[in-house]
């Protein structure tokens, strides 16, 4: 048998002939990397020395963030890059020893909702805000640091003391505590009300003190 008889009669395009029809059923999310929809809007504004300052970033202020540095993060490691990006930005801010508020969206659903509302998009952390101005995600913040601009944007922010490396004595730096009322179950026992069970009543009610994870904000360090 000749080698010519084994060769295909026409060129086959594997990708063209395949009809797999994969569909993405996951909800559409915007990654923490640069994106045309979530990159901060820059306004052409320079100070007297010709250096861009905070006013060159569009005002998008999270709750109680008008005079603070707020970083939205996640402590979940399900998506490795997102977790590493969050740690990278935290490391930068810690290296400058500035006071900032970390809002972990995996620990408190309200943080995720307020982040989506401020940016008007279902973005994922990390997201950095300085004095009510949206600085950007991991790519934007790291780029600003490389060109020396991030340090300028943080000017005027209070600096941590020398003893700030010590973690909170109550929560260990997690910024949340287990709810003491329901012990993290999110349920409270109503008591012996057997007569209500016959009428479709319930012995347990939702605890109003804690969040969806049975946690409360640490009164010592979460403000």
N, C-alpha and C. Protein backbone atom coordinates (compact mmCIF):
# COMPACT_ATOMS: atom_id res chain seq x y z
N UNK A 1 0.85 -1.18 0.00
CA UNK A 1 0.00 0.00 0.00
C UNK A 1 0.89 1.24 0.00
N UNK A 2 0.63 2.16 -0.90
CA UNK A 2 1.43 3.37 -1.02
C UNK A 2 1.08 4.37 0.06
N UNK A 3 2.02 5.26 0.37
CA UNK A 3 1.79 6.29 1.39
C UNK A 3 0.76 7.30 0.96
N UNK A 4 0.53 7.45 -0.38
CA UNK A 4 -0.44 8.43 -0.88
C UNK A 4 -1.85 8.04 -0.52
N UNK A 5 -2.10 6.71 -0.42
CA UNK A 5 -3.46 6.27 -0.13
C UNK A 5 -3.85 6.52 1.31
N UNK A 6 -2.83 6.76 2.18
CA UNK A 6 -3.13 7.01 3.59
C UNK A 6 -3.35 8.48 3.90
N UNK A 7 -2.97 9.35 3.01
CA UNK A 7 -3.12 10.79 3.26
C UNK A 7 -4.57 11.20 3.04
N UNK A 8 -5.08 12.15 3.84
CA UNK A 8 -6.47 12.58 3.69
C UNK A 8 -6.69 13.28 2.37
N UNK A 9 -7.91 13.14 1.85
CA UNK A 9 -8.24 13.73 0.56
C UNK A 9 -8.40 15.23 0.64
N UNK A 10 -8.63 15.77 1.87
CA UNK A 10 -8.75 17.23 2.04
C UNK A 10 -8.17 17.61 3.39
N UNK A 11 -7.83 18.89 3.48
CA UNK A 11 -7.31 19.39 4.75
C UNK A 11 -8.44 19.49 5.75
N UNK A 12 -8.18 18.99 6.97
CA UNK A 12 -9.20 18.97 8.01
C UNK A 12 -8.86 20.03 9.05
N UNK A 13 -9.81 20.94 9.31
CA UNK A 13 -9.67 21.93 10.39
C UNK A 13 -10.40 21.39 11.60
N UNK A 14 -9.61 20.96 12.61
CA UNK A 14 -10.21 20.31 13.79
C UNK A 14 -11.19 21.24 14.49
N UNK A 15 -10.82 22.52 14.62
CA UNK A 15 -11.66 23.44 15.36
C UNK A 15 -12.91 23.81 14.58
N UNK A 16 -12.81 23.81 13.24
CA UNK A 16 -13.96 24.15 12.42
C UNK A 16 -14.96 23.01 12.38
N UNK A 17 -14.45 21.76 12.34
CA UNK A 17 -15.34 20.61 12.22
C UNK A 17 -15.94 20.20 13.56
N UNK A 18 -15.32 20.63 14.67
CA UNK A 18 -15.84 20.25 15.98
C UNK A 18 -17.04 21.09 16.34
N UNK A 19 -18.12 20.46 16.79
CA UNK A 19 -19.33 21.16 17.18
C UNK A 19 -19.64 20.81 18.63
N UNK A 20 -18.74 21.29 19.53
CA UNK A 20 -18.90 20.94 20.94
C UNK A 20 -19.98 21.77 21.61
N UNK A 21 -20.03 23.06 21.28
CA UNK A 21 -21.07 23.91 21.81
C UNK A 21 -20.98 24.15 23.30
N UNK A 22 -19.77 24.47 23.79
CA UNK A 22 -19.64 24.76 25.21
C UNK A 22 -20.28 26.09 25.52
N UNK A 23 -20.93 26.18 26.70
CA UNK A 23 -21.54 27.42 27.15
C UNK A 23 -21.08 27.71 28.56
N UNK A 24 -20.83 28.96 28.81
CA UNK A 24 -20.40 29.37 30.16
C UNK A 24 -21.63 29.71 30.98
N UNK A 25 -21.88 28.90 32.00
CA UNK A 25 -23.05 29.11 32.83
C UNK A 25 -22.76 29.92 34.08
N UNK A 26 -21.48 30.33 34.27
CA UNK A 26 -21.11 31.10 35.45
C UNK A 26 -21.55 32.54 35.27
N UNK A 27 -21.92 33.23 36.36
CA UNK A 27 -22.29 34.64 36.25
C UNK A 27 -21.12 35.47 35.82
N UNK A 28 -21.38 36.48 35.02
CA UNK A 28 -20.32 37.30 34.45
C UNK A 28 -19.76 38.22 35.53
N UNK A 29 -18.46 38.13 35.75
CA UNK A 29 -17.78 38.95 36.74
C UNK A 29 -16.63 39.66 36.05
N UNK A 30 -16.20 40.75 36.61
CA UNK A 30 -15.08 41.50 36.09
C UNK A 30 -13.88 41.21 36.96
N UNK A 31 -12.77 40.82 36.34
CA UNK A 31 -11.60 40.41 37.11
C UNK A 31 -10.95 41.60 37.78
N UNK A 32 -9.99 41.28 38.65
CA UNK A 32 -9.29 42.33 39.37
C UNK A 32 -8.24 43.01 38.51
N UNK A 33 -7.99 42.47 37.30
CA UNK A 33 -7.02 43.09 36.42
C UNK A 33 -7.65 44.26 35.69
N UNK A 34 -6.85 44.93 34.88
CA UNK A 34 -7.35 46.11 34.18
C UNK A 34 -8.50 45.76 33.26
N UNK A 35 -9.46 46.63 33.18
CA UNK A 35 -10.61 46.43 32.33
C UNK A 35 -11.11 47.79 31.88
N UNK A 36 -11.57 47.88 30.64
CA UNK A 36 -12.06 49.14 30.13
C UNK A 36 -13.29 49.61 30.87
N UNK A 37 -14.03 48.67 31.47
CA UNK A 37 -15.25 49.05 32.17
C UNK A 37 -14.99 49.49 33.60
N UNK A 38 -13.88 49.05 34.20
CA UNK A 38 -13.66 49.32 35.61
C UNK A 38 -12.39 50.11 35.87
N UNK A 39 -11.61 50.42 34.85
CA UNK A 39 -10.43 51.23 35.06
C UNK A 39 -10.86 52.62 35.49
N UNK A 40 -10.16 53.21 36.46
CA UNK A 40 -10.56 54.53 36.94
C UNK A 40 -10.47 55.58 35.85
N UNK A 41 -11.45 56.46 35.81
CA UNK A 41 -11.46 57.54 34.84
C UNK A 41 -10.48 58.62 35.27
N UNK A 42 -9.54 58.96 34.41
CA UNK A 42 -8.51 59.94 34.73
C UNK A 42 -8.90 61.29 34.16
N UNK A 43 -8.78 62.32 34.97
CA UNK A 43 -9.04 63.68 34.55
C UNK A 43 -7.71 64.40 34.41
N UNK A 44 -7.55 65.15 33.33
CA UNK A 44 -6.29 65.84 33.10
C UNK A 44 -6.13 66.99 34.09
N UNK A 45 -5.52 66.70 35.23
CA UNK A 45 -5.30 67.70 36.26
C UNK A 45 -3.93 67.51 36.85
N UNK A 46 -3.16 68.59 36.95
CA UNK A 46 -1.82 68.53 37.52
C UNK A 46 -1.65 69.67 38.51
N UNK A 47 -0.84 69.40 39.53
CA UNK A 47 -0.60 70.45 40.51
C UNK A 47 0.46 71.41 40.00
N UNK A 48 0.89 72.32 40.87
CA UNK A 48 1.81 73.36 40.46
C UNK A 48 3.15 72.83 39.99
N UNK A 49 3.51 71.63 40.40
CA UNK A 49 4.78 71.04 39.99
C UNK A 49 4.63 70.13 38.79
N UNK A 50 3.41 70.06 38.24
CA UNK A 50 3.18 69.24 37.06
C UNK A 50 3.02 67.77 37.37
N UNK A 51 2.81 67.41 38.63
CA UNK A 51 2.65 66.02 39.02
C UNK A 51 1.17 65.73 39.24
N UNK A 52 0.71 64.63 38.68
CA UNK A 52 -0.69 64.25 38.86
C UNK A 52 -0.98 63.96 40.33
N UNK A 53 -2.14 64.39 40.81
CA UNK A 53 -2.49 64.11 42.18
C UNK A 53 -3.86 63.44 42.23
N UNK A 54 -4.45 63.37 43.40
CA UNK A 54 -5.70 62.64 43.58
C UNK A 54 -6.83 63.20 42.74
N UNK A 55 -6.81 64.49 42.47
CA UNK A 55 -7.90 65.10 41.72
C UNK A 55 -7.93 64.66 40.27
N UNK A 56 -6.88 63.96 39.82
CA UNK A 56 -6.89 63.44 38.46
C UNK A 56 -7.67 62.13 38.36
N UNK A 57 -8.15 61.62 39.51
CA UNK A 57 -8.96 60.41 39.52
C UNK A 57 -10.41 60.79 39.81
N UNK A 58 -11.31 60.10 39.13
CA UNK A 58 -12.73 60.41 39.28
C UNK A 58 -13.20 60.10 40.70
N UNK A 59 -14.08 60.93 41.21
CA UNK A 59 -14.60 60.75 42.55
C UNK A 59 -15.64 59.63 42.56
N UNK A 60 -15.32 58.55 43.23
CA UNK A 60 -16.21 57.41 43.46
C UNK A 60 -15.97 56.95 44.89
N UNK A 61 -16.78 57.47 45.78
CA UNK A 61 -16.51 57.33 47.21
C UNK A 61 -17.33 56.22 47.85
N UNK A 62 -16.68 55.23 48.45
CA UNK A 62 -17.40 54.21 49.22
C UNK A 62 -17.89 54.80 50.53
N UNK A 63 -18.79 54.15 51.23
CA UNK A 63 -19.31 54.67 52.51
C UNK A 63 -18.19 54.98 53.50
N UNK A 64 -18.24 56.17 54.08
CA UNK A 64 -17.28 56.63 55.08
C UNK A 64 -15.85 56.64 54.55
N UNK A 65 -15.69 56.87 53.26
CA UNK A 65 -14.35 56.84 52.67
C UNK A 65 -13.86 58.16 52.16
N UNK A 66 -14.51 59.26 52.57
CA UNK A 66 -14.15 60.57 52.05
C UNK A 66 -12.76 61.04 52.44
N UNK A 67 -12.27 60.61 53.60
CA UNK A 67 -10.95 61.04 54.07
C UNK A 67 -10.07 59.86 54.46
N UNK A 68 -10.38 58.69 53.94
CA UNK A 68 -9.65 57.47 54.34
C UNK A 68 -9.15 56.71 53.12
N UNK A 69 -8.27 55.76 53.40
CA UNK A 69 -7.85 54.77 52.39
C UNK A 69 -8.62 53.49 52.66
N UNK A 70 -9.36 53.03 51.67
CA UNK A 70 -10.18 51.82 51.82
C UNK A 70 -9.77 50.82 50.75
N UNK A 71 -9.50 49.60 51.20
CA UNK A 71 -9.11 48.52 50.29
C UNK A 71 -10.09 47.37 50.43
N UNK A 72 -10.75 47.03 49.35
CA UNK A 72 -11.65 45.88 49.33
C UNK A 72 -10.84 44.64 48.93
N UNK A 73 -10.93 43.60 49.75
CA UNK A 73 -10.15 42.39 49.54
C UNK A 73 -11.05 41.17 49.70
N UNK A 74 -10.43 40.00 49.53
CA UNK A 74 -11.08 38.74 49.86
C UNK A 74 -10.04 37.82 50.49
N UNK A 75 -10.46 37.09 51.51
CA UNK A 75 -9.55 36.13 52.16
C UNK A 75 -9.77 34.71 51.65
N UNK A 76 -10.69 34.54 50.71
CA UNK A 76 -10.91 33.22 50.11
C UNK A 76 -9.81 32.91 49.11
N UNK A 77 -9.36 31.67 49.10
CA UNK A 77 -8.27 31.28 48.20
C UNK A 77 -8.76 30.45 47.02
N UNK A 78 -10.05 30.49 46.75
CA UNK A 78 -10.60 29.70 45.64
C UNK A 78 -10.00 30.09 44.31
N UNK A 79 -9.82 31.39 44.10
CA UNK A 79 -9.17 31.88 42.89
C UNK A 79 -7.81 32.42 43.30
N UNK A 80 -6.78 31.72 42.95
CA UNK A 80 -5.45 32.00 43.48
C UNK A 80 -4.96 33.40 43.11
N UNK A 81 -5.17 33.80 41.84
CA UNK A 81 -4.66 35.10 41.40
C UNK A 81 -5.33 36.24 42.17
N UNK A 82 -6.64 36.13 42.38
CA UNK A 82 -7.35 37.18 43.12
C UNK A 82 -6.81 37.30 44.53
N UNK A 83 -6.59 36.17 45.18
CA UNK A 83 -6.07 36.17 46.54
C UNK A 83 -4.66 36.77 46.58
N UNK A 84 -3.83 36.41 45.62
CA UNK A 84 -2.46 36.93 45.59
C UNK A 84 -2.45 38.42 45.26
N UNK A 85 -3.35 38.87 44.39
CA UNK A 85 -3.44 40.30 44.09
C UNK A 85 -3.80 41.10 45.34
N UNK A 86 -4.74 40.58 46.12
CA UNK A 86 -5.14 41.26 47.36
C UNK A 86 -3.96 41.37 48.31
N UNK A 87 -3.20 40.30 48.46
CA UNK A 87 -2.05 40.32 49.35
C UNK A 87 -0.96 41.27 48.86
N UNK A 88 -0.83 41.38 47.53
CA UNK A 88 0.18 42.27 46.97
C UNK A 88 -0.14 43.73 47.30
N UNK A 89 -1.39 44.13 47.18
CA UNK A 89 -1.77 45.51 47.48
C UNK A 89 -1.67 45.77 48.98
N UNK A 90 -2.06 44.80 49.80
CA UNK A 90 -1.94 44.95 51.25
C UNK A 90 -0.46 45.12 51.64
N UNK A 91 0.42 44.36 50.98
CA UNK A 91 1.85 44.47 51.27
C UNK A 91 2.37 45.87 50.94
N UNK A 92 1.90 46.43 49.81
CA UNK A 92 2.32 47.78 49.43
C UNK A 92 1.89 48.80 50.48
N UNK A 93 0.63 48.75 50.87
CA UNK A 93 0.13 49.72 51.84
C UNK A 93 0.83 49.55 53.19
N UNK A 94 1.08 48.31 53.57
CA UNK A 94 1.79 48.06 54.83
C UNK A 94 3.23 48.59 54.76
N UNK A 95 3.84 48.51 53.59
CA UNK A 95 5.21 48.99 53.45
C UNK A 95 5.29 50.51 53.60
N UNK A 96 4.21 51.21 53.22
CA UNK A 96 4.16 52.66 53.42
C UNK A 96 3.71 53.02 54.83
N UNK A 97 3.26 52.02 55.59
CA UNK A 97 2.82 52.19 56.98
C UNK A 97 1.69 53.20 57.12
N UNK A 98 0.84 53.29 56.13
CA UNK A 98 -0.30 54.20 56.21
C UNK A 98 -1.49 53.47 56.84
N UNK A 99 -2.36 54.23 57.43
CA UNK A 99 -3.57 53.67 58.03
C UNK A 99 -4.60 53.46 56.92
N UNK A 100 -5.09 52.24 56.79
CA UNK A 100 -6.12 51.96 55.78
C UNK A 100 -7.14 50.99 56.36
N UNK A 101 -8.33 51.01 55.78
CA UNK A 101 -9.41 50.13 56.19
C UNK A 101 -9.54 49.00 55.19
N UNK A 102 -9.43 47.79 55.66
CA UNK A 102 -9.60 46.62 54.80
C UNK A 102 -11.04 46.11 54.95
N UNK A 103 -11.71 45.94 53.83
CA UNK A 103 -13.07 45.43 53.83
C UNK A 103 -13.10 44.13 53.04
N UNK A 104 -13.18 43.05 53.78
CA UNK A 104 -13.13 41.70 53.21
C UNK A 104 -14.53 41.30 52.75
N UNK A 105 -14.72 41.20 51.44
CA UNK A 105 -16.05 40.91 50.89
C UNK A 105 -16.48 39.47 51.16
N UNK A 106 -15.52 38.59 51.47
CA UNK A 106 -15.88 37.20 51.76
C UNK A 106 -16.35 37.02 53.20
N UNK A 107 -16.03 37.98 54.05
CA UNK A 107 -16.44 37.90 55.44
C UNK A 107 -17.75 38.63 55.71
N UNK A 108 -18.06 39.60 54.84
CA UNK A 108 -19.23 40.44 55.07
C UNK A 108 -19.86 40.77 53.73
N UNK A 109 -21.04 40.25 53.46
CA UNK A 109 -21.71 40.43 52.17
C UNK A 109 -22.00 41.90 51.89
N UNK A 110 -22.23 42.68 52.92
CA UNK A 110 -22.52 44.10 52.73
C UNK A 110 -21.37 44.82 52.05
N UNK A 111 -20.14 44.42 52.32
CA UNK A 111 -18.98 45.04 51.68
C UNK A 111 -19.00 44.81 50.17
N UNK A 112 -19.34 43.60 49.76
CA UNK A 112 -19.41 43.31 48.32
C UNK A 112 -20.51 44.12 47.65
N UNK A 113 -21.65 44.23 48.31
CA UNK A 113 -22.77 44.98 47.74
C UNK A 113 -22.43 46.46 47.59
N UNK A 114 -21.78 47.04 48.59
CA UNK A 114 -21.45 48.46 48.50
C UNK A 114 -20.37 48.70 47.45
N UNK A 115 -19.44 47.75 47.26
CA UNK A 115 -18.42 47.88 46.22
C UNK A 115 -19.06 47.86 44.84
N UNK A 116 -19.98 46.93 44.62
CA UNK A 116 -20.68 46.86 43.34
C UNK A 116 -21.50 48.11 43.09
N UNK A 117 -22.08 48.65 44.14
CA UNK A 117 -22.90 49.85 43.97
C UNK A 117 -22.06 51.07 43.63
N UNK A 118 -20.90 51.20 44.27
CA UNK A 118 -20.05 52.35 44.01
C UNK A 118 -19.50 52.32 42.59
N UNK A 119 -19.04 51.16 42.13
CA UNK A 119 -18.43 51.04 40.80
C UNK A 119 -19.45 50.69 39.72
N UNK A 120 -20.69 50.42 40.14
CA UNK A 120 -21.76 50.10 39.19
C UNK A 120 -21.39 48.93 38.29
N UNK A 121 -20.74 47.94 38.88
CA UNK A 121 -20.33 46.76 38.14
C UNK A 121 -20.01 45.65 39.13
N UNK A 122 -20.15 44.40 38.71
CA UNK A 122 -19.89 43.26 39.58
C UNK A 122 -18.40 42.90 39.51
N UNK A 123 -17.59 43.73 40.15
CA UNK A 123 -16.15 43.55 40.12
C UNK A 123 -15.70 42.64 41.25
N UNK A 124 -14.46 42.18 41.16
CA UNK A 124 -13.87 41.36 42.21
C UNK A 124 -12.67 42.12 42.78
N UNK A 125 -12.31 41.84 44.03
CA UNK A 125 -11.17 42.53 44.65
C UNK A 125 -9.85 42.12 43.99
N UNK A 126 -8.78 42.89 44.30
CA UNK A 126 -8.74 44.06 45.17
C UNK A 126 -9.16 45.33 44.45
N UNK A 127 -9.70 46.28 45.21
CA UNK A 127 -10.09 47.60 44.70
C UNK A 127 -9.67 48.65 45.74
N UNK A 128 -8.92 49.64 45.29
CA UNK A 128 -8.35 50.63 46.20
C UNK A 128 -9.00 51.99 45.99
N UNK A 129 -9.36 52.62 47.11
CA UNK A 129 -9.92 53.97 47.11
C UNK A 129 -9.09 54.82 48.07
N UNK A 130 -8.77 56.04 47.63
CA UNK A 130 -8.03 56.97 48.48
C UNK A 130 -8.79 58.28 48.54
N UNK A 131 -9.25 58.62 49.72
CA UNK A 131 -9.98 59.88 49.96
C UNK A 131 -11.13 60.06 48.98
N UNK A 132 -11.91 59.00 48.81
CA UNK A 132 -13.09 59.09 47.95
C UNK A 132 -12.81 59.03 46.47
N UNK A 133 -11.58 58.71 46.09
CA UNK A 133 -11.22 58.59 44.67
C UNK A 133 -10.87 57.14 44.36
N UNK A 134 -11.42 56.64 43.26
CA UNK A 134 -11.15 55.25 42.88
C UNK A 134 -9.82 55.17 42.16
N UNK A 135 -8.85 54.45 42.75
CA UNK A 135 -7.51 54.34 42.19
C UNK A 135 -7.42 53.19 41.19
N UNK A 136 -8.08 52.05 41.50
CA UNK A 136 -8.10 50.95 40.55
C UNK A 136 -7.91 49.59 41.21
N UNK A 137 -7.73 48.59 40.34
CA UNK A 137 -7.48 47.24 40.79
C UNK A 137 -6.00 46.96 40.93
N UNK A 138 -5.63 45.69 40.91
CA UNK A 138 -4.23 45.31 41.15
C UNK A 138 -3.29 45.87 40.10
N UNK A 139 -3.66 45.76 38.83
CA UNK A 139 -2.76 46.21 37.76
C UNK A 139 -2.50 47.71 37.84
N UNK A 140 -3.57 48.49 38.07
CA UNK A 140 -3.42 49.95 38.13
C UNK A 140 -2.58 50.38 39.32
N UNK A 141 -2.84 49.78 40.48
CA UNK A 141 -2.11 50.18 41.70
C UNK A 141 -0.63 49.81 41.58
N UNK A 142 -0.33 48.62 41.09
CA UNK A 142 1.06 48.21 40.93
C UNK A 142 1.79 49.09 39.93
N UNK A 143 1.10 49.49 38.88
CA UNK A 143 1.72 50.38 37.88
C UNK A 143 2.03 51.74 38.51
N UNK A 144 1.08 52.28 39.30
CA UNK A 144 1.31 53.56 39.96
C UNK A 144 2.49 53.47 40.92
N UNK A 145 2.64 52.34 41.56
CA UNK A 145 3.78 52.17 42.48
C UNK A 145 5.09 52.13 41.72
N UNK A 146 5.11 51.46 40.57
CA UNK A 146 6.34 51.32 39.80
C UNK A 146 6.84 52.66 39.28
N UNK A 147 5.93 53.58 38.97
CA UNK A 147 6.35 54.89 38.46
C UNK A 147 6.47 55.93 39.58
N UNK A 148 6.29 55.48 40.82
CA UNK A 148 6.50 56.36 41.96
C UNK A 148 5.34 57.27 42.29
N UNK A 149 4.16 57.02 41.72
CA UNK A 149 3.03 57.91 41.93
C UNK A 149 2.18 57.51 43.13
N UNK A 150 2.18 56.23 43.48
CA UNK A 150 1.34 55.77 44.58
C UNK A 150 1.73 56.46 45.88
N UNK A 151 3.02 56.63 46.09
CA UNK A 151 3.49 57.30 47.32
C UNK A 151 2.98 58.72 47.38
N UNK A 152 2.94 59.40 46.23
CA UNK A 152 2.43 60.78 46.20
C UNK A 152 0.93 60.82 46.50
N UNK A 153 0.20 59.81 46.01
CA UNK A 153 -1.24 59.78 46.25
C UNK A 153 -1.56 59.55 47.72
N UNK A 154 -0.64 58.93 48.44
CA UNK A 154 -0.86 58.62 49.85
C UNK A 154 -0.38 59.71 50.79
N UNK A 155 0.12 60.81 50.22
CA UNK A 155 0.57 61.91 51.06
C UNK A 155 -0.60 62.49 51.84
N UNK A 156 -0.38 62.75 53.12
CA UNK A 156 -1.43 63.30 53.96
C UNK A 156 -2.24 62.25 54.70
N UNK A 157 -2.02 60.97 54.37
CA UNK A 157 -2.71 59.88 55.06
C UNK A 157 -1.99 59.60 56.38
N UNK A 158 -2.71 59.43 57.49
CA UNK A 158 -2.05 59.15 58.77
C UNK A 158 -1.17 57.90 58.69
N UNK A 159 -0.05 57.95 59.40
CA UNK A 159 0.91 56.87 59.40
C UNK A 159 0.75 56.04 60.67
N UNK A 160 0.91 54.74 60.54
CA UNK A 160 0.79 53.83 61.69
C UNK A 160 1.95 54.04 62.66
N UNK A 161 1.72 53.74 63.92
CA UNK A 161 2.76 53.82 64.92
C UNK A 161 3.70 52.63 64.85
N UNK A 162 4.71 52.65 65.68
CA UNK A 162 5.71 51.59 65.65
C UNK A 162 5.18 50.27 66.19
N UNK A 163 4.12 50.33 67.00
CA UNK A 163 3.58 49.11 67.61
C UNK A 163 2.40 48.54 66.86
N UNK A 164 2.19 48.97 65.61
CA UNK A 164 1.03 48.51 64.86
C UNK A 164 1.21 47.11 64.28
N UNK A 165 2.42 46.56 64.37
CA UNK A 165 2.63 45.19 63.89
C UNK A 165 1.94 44.18 64.80
N UNK A 166 1.60 44.60 66.01
CA UNK A 166 0.88 43.72 66.92
C UNK A 166 -0.57 43.59 66.49
N UNK A 167 -1.06 42.36 66.41
CA UNK A 167 -2.43 42.14 65.98
C UNK A 167 -3.40 42.42 67.11
N UNK A 168 -4.64 42.67 66.72
CA UNK A 168 -5.68 42.98 67.70
C UNK A 168 -5.79 41.83 68.71
N UNK A 169 -5.88 42.18 69.97
CA UNK A 169 -5.93 41.16 71.02
C UNK A 169 -7.26 40.43 71.06
N UNK A 170 -8.30 41.02 70.43
CA UNK A 170 -9.62 40.39 70.45
C UNK A 170 -9.85 39.47 69.26
N UNK A 171 -9.54 39.96 68.06
CA UNK A 171 -9.85 39.18 66.85
C UNK A 171 -8.61 38.61 66.16
N UNK A 172 -7.41 38.98 66.61
CA UNK A 172 -6.21 38.47 65.97
C UNK A 172 -5.95 39.05 64.60
N UNK A 173 -6.54 40.22 64.31
CA UNK A 173 -6.33 40.85 63.02
C UNK A 173 -7.35 40.48 61.96
N UNK A 174 -8.31 39.64 62.31
CA UNK A 174 -9.33 39.22 61.33
C UNK A 174 -10.41 40.28 61.16
N UNK A 175 -10.58 41.14 62.17
CA UNK A 175 -11.53 42.24 62.18
C UNK A 175 -12.99 41.79 62.38
N UNK A 176 -13.19 40.52 62.65
CA UNK A 176 -14.52 40.00 62.95
C UNK A 176 -14.44 39.04 64.13
N UNK A 177 -15.55 38.94 64.85
CA UNK A 177 -15.66 38.01 65.97
C UNK A 177 -16.90 37.16 65.81
N UNK A 178 -16.87 35.98 66.41
CA UNK A 178 -18.05 35.12 66.40
C UNK A 178 -19.14 35.75 67.25
N UNK A 179 -20.34 35.75 66.75
CA UNK A 179 -21.46 36.34 67.47
C UNK A 179 -21.67 35.60 68.79
N UNK A 180 -21.70 36.36 69.87
CA UNK A 180 -21.86 35.74 71.19
C UNK A 180 -23.31 35.39 71.50
N UNK A 181 -24.24 35.96 70.75
CA UNK A 181 -25.65 35.67 71.01
C UNK A 181 -26.08 34.33 70.42
N UNK A 182 -25.64 34.05 69.21
CA UNK A 182 -26.07 32.82 68.53
C UNK A 182 -24.92 31.83 68.31
N UNK A 183 -23.70 32.21 68.74
CA UNK A 183 -22.51 31.35 68.56
C UNK A 183 -22.24 31.02 67.10
N UNK A 184 -22.58 31.96 66.22
CA UNK A 184 -22.29 31.79 64.80
C UNK A 184 -23.31 31.00 64.02
N UNK A 185 -24.42 30.61 64.66
CA UNK A 185 -25.43 29.81 63.96
C UNK A 185 -26.45 30.67 63.21
N UNK A 186 -26.47 31.97 63.50
CA UNK A 186 -27.43 32.91 62.91
C UNK A 186 -28.87 32.64 63.36
N UNK A 187 -29.03 31.79 64.38
CA UNK A 187 -30.37 31.45 64.87
C UNK A 187 -30.44 31.66 66.38
N UNK A 188 -31.62 32.07 66.84
CA UNK A 188 -31.86 32.24 68.26
C UNK A 188 -33.06 31.40 68.67
N UNK A 189 -32.93 30.75 69.79
CA UNK A 189 -34.02 29.90 70.30
C UNK A 189 -35.07 30.78 70.98
N UNK A 190 -36.29 30.66 70.56
CA UNK A 190 -37.37 31.50 71.08
C UNK A 190 -37.88 31.04 72.44
N UNK A 191 -37.57 29.83 72.83
CA UNK A 191 -38.04 29.31 74.11
C UNK A 191 -39.10 28.25 73.91
N UNK A 192 -39.65 27.80 75.01
CA UNK A 192 -40.66 26.74 74.98
C UNK A 192 -42.00 27.33 74.59
N UNK A 193 -42.30 27.25 73.30
CA UNK A 193 -43.56 27.77 72.78
C UNK A 193 -44.25 26.69 71.97
N UNK A 194 -44.47 25.56 72.62
CA UNK A 194 -45.05 24.42 71.92
C UNK A 194 -46.43 24.68 71.37
N UNK A 195 -47.18 25.60 72.03
CA UNK A 195 -48.54 25.86 71.55
C UNK A 195 -48.52 26.54 70.19
N UNK A 196 -47.40 27.21 69.86
CA UNK A 196 -47.32 27.86 68.56
C UNK A 196 -46.96 26.88 67.45
N UNK A 197 -46.34 25.75 67.82
CA UNK A 197 -45.95 24.77 66.80
C UNK A 197 -47.17 24.18 66.12
N UNK A 198 -48.27 24.03 66.87
CA UNK A 198 -49.48 23.48 66.28
C UNK A 198 -50.08 24.41 65.23
N UNK A 199 -49.72 25.67 65.32
CA UNK A 199 -50.22 26.65 64.36
C UNK A 199 -49.18 27.01 63.31
N UNK A 200 -48.20 26.14 63.15
CA UNK A 200 -47.17 26.38 62.14
C UNK A 200 -46.08 27.32 62.62
N UNK A 201 -45.93 27.51 63.92
CA UNK A 201 -44.91 28.39 64.46
C UNK A 201 -43.53 27.77 64.38
N UNK A 202 -42.49 28.57 64.73
CA UNK A 202 -41.11 28.11 64.65
C UNK A 202 -40.42 28.43 65.97
N UNK A 203 -39.56 27.51 66.42
CA UNK A 203 -38.85 27.68 67.68
C UNK A 203 -37.64 28.60 67.55
N UNK A 204 -37.18 28.84 66.31
CA UNK A 204 -35.98 29.63 66.10
C UNK A 204 -36.27 30.86 65.25
N UNK A 205 -35.54 31.93 65.52
CA UNK A 205 -35.64 33.16 64.73
C UNK A 205 -34.24 33.56 64.29
N UNK A 206 -34.17 34.39 63.28
CA UNK A 206 -32.88 34.86 62.75
C UNK A 206 -32.25 35.85 63.72
N UNK A 207 -30.98 35.63 64.02
CA UNK A 207 -30.25 36.54 64.88
C UNK A 207 -30.02 37.85 64.14
N UNK A 208 -30.38 38.95 64.74
CA UNK A 208 -30.27 40.26 64.09
C UNK A 208 -28.94 40.96 64.41
N UNK A 209 -28.12 40.35 65.24
CA UNK A 209 -26.88 40.99 65.64
C UNK A 209 -25.73 40.70 64.68
N UNK A 210 -25.73 39.52 64.07
CA UNK A 210 -24.59 39.10 63.25
C UNK A 210 -24.93 39.17 61.76
N UNK A 211 -23.91 38.95 60.93
CA UNK A 211 -24.12 38.94 59.48
C UNK A 211 -24.43 37.52 59.00
N UNK A 212 -24.37 37.31 57.69
CA UNK A 212 -24.76 36.03 57.11
C UNK A 212 -23.82 34.90 57.49
N UNK A 213 -22.63 35.23 57.98
CA UNK A 213 -21.66 34.23 58.40
C UNK A 213 -21.63 34.02 59.91
N UNK A 214 -22.57 34.62 60.62
CA UNK A 214 -22.60 34.51 62.08
C UNK A 214 -21.49 35.31 62.75
N UNK A 215 -21.04 36.40 62.10
CA UNK A 215 -19.94 37.20 62.61
C UNK A 215 -20.39 38.64 62.91
N UNK A 216 -19.69 39.27 63.82
CA UNK A 216 -19.88 40.69 64.11
C UNK A 216 -18.55 41.40 63.95
N UNK A 217 -18.59 42.69 63.69
CA UNK A 217 -17.36 43.46 63.54
C UNK A 217 -16.66 43.57 64.89
N UNK A 218 -15.35 43.47 64.84
CA UNK A 218 -14.58 43.58 66.07
C UNK A 218 -14.69 45.01 66.61
N UNK A 219 -15.13 45.20 67.83
CA UNK A 219 -15.29 46.55 68.37
C UNK A 219 -13.96 47.28 68.60
N UNK A 220 -12.86 46.54 68.62
CA UNK A 220 -11.57 47.16 68.91
C UNK A 220 -10.85 47.70 67.68
N UNK A 221 -10.96 46.99 66.54
CA UNK A 221 -10.16 47.38 65.37
C UNK A 221 -10.97 47.58 64.10
N UNK A 222 -12.23 47.20 64.07
CA UNK A 222 -13.02 47.34 62.85
C UNK A 222 -13.92 48.56 63.00
N UNK A 223 -13.59 49.60 62.24
CA UNK A 223 -14.34 50.86 62.36
C UNK A 223 -14.55 51.46 60.99
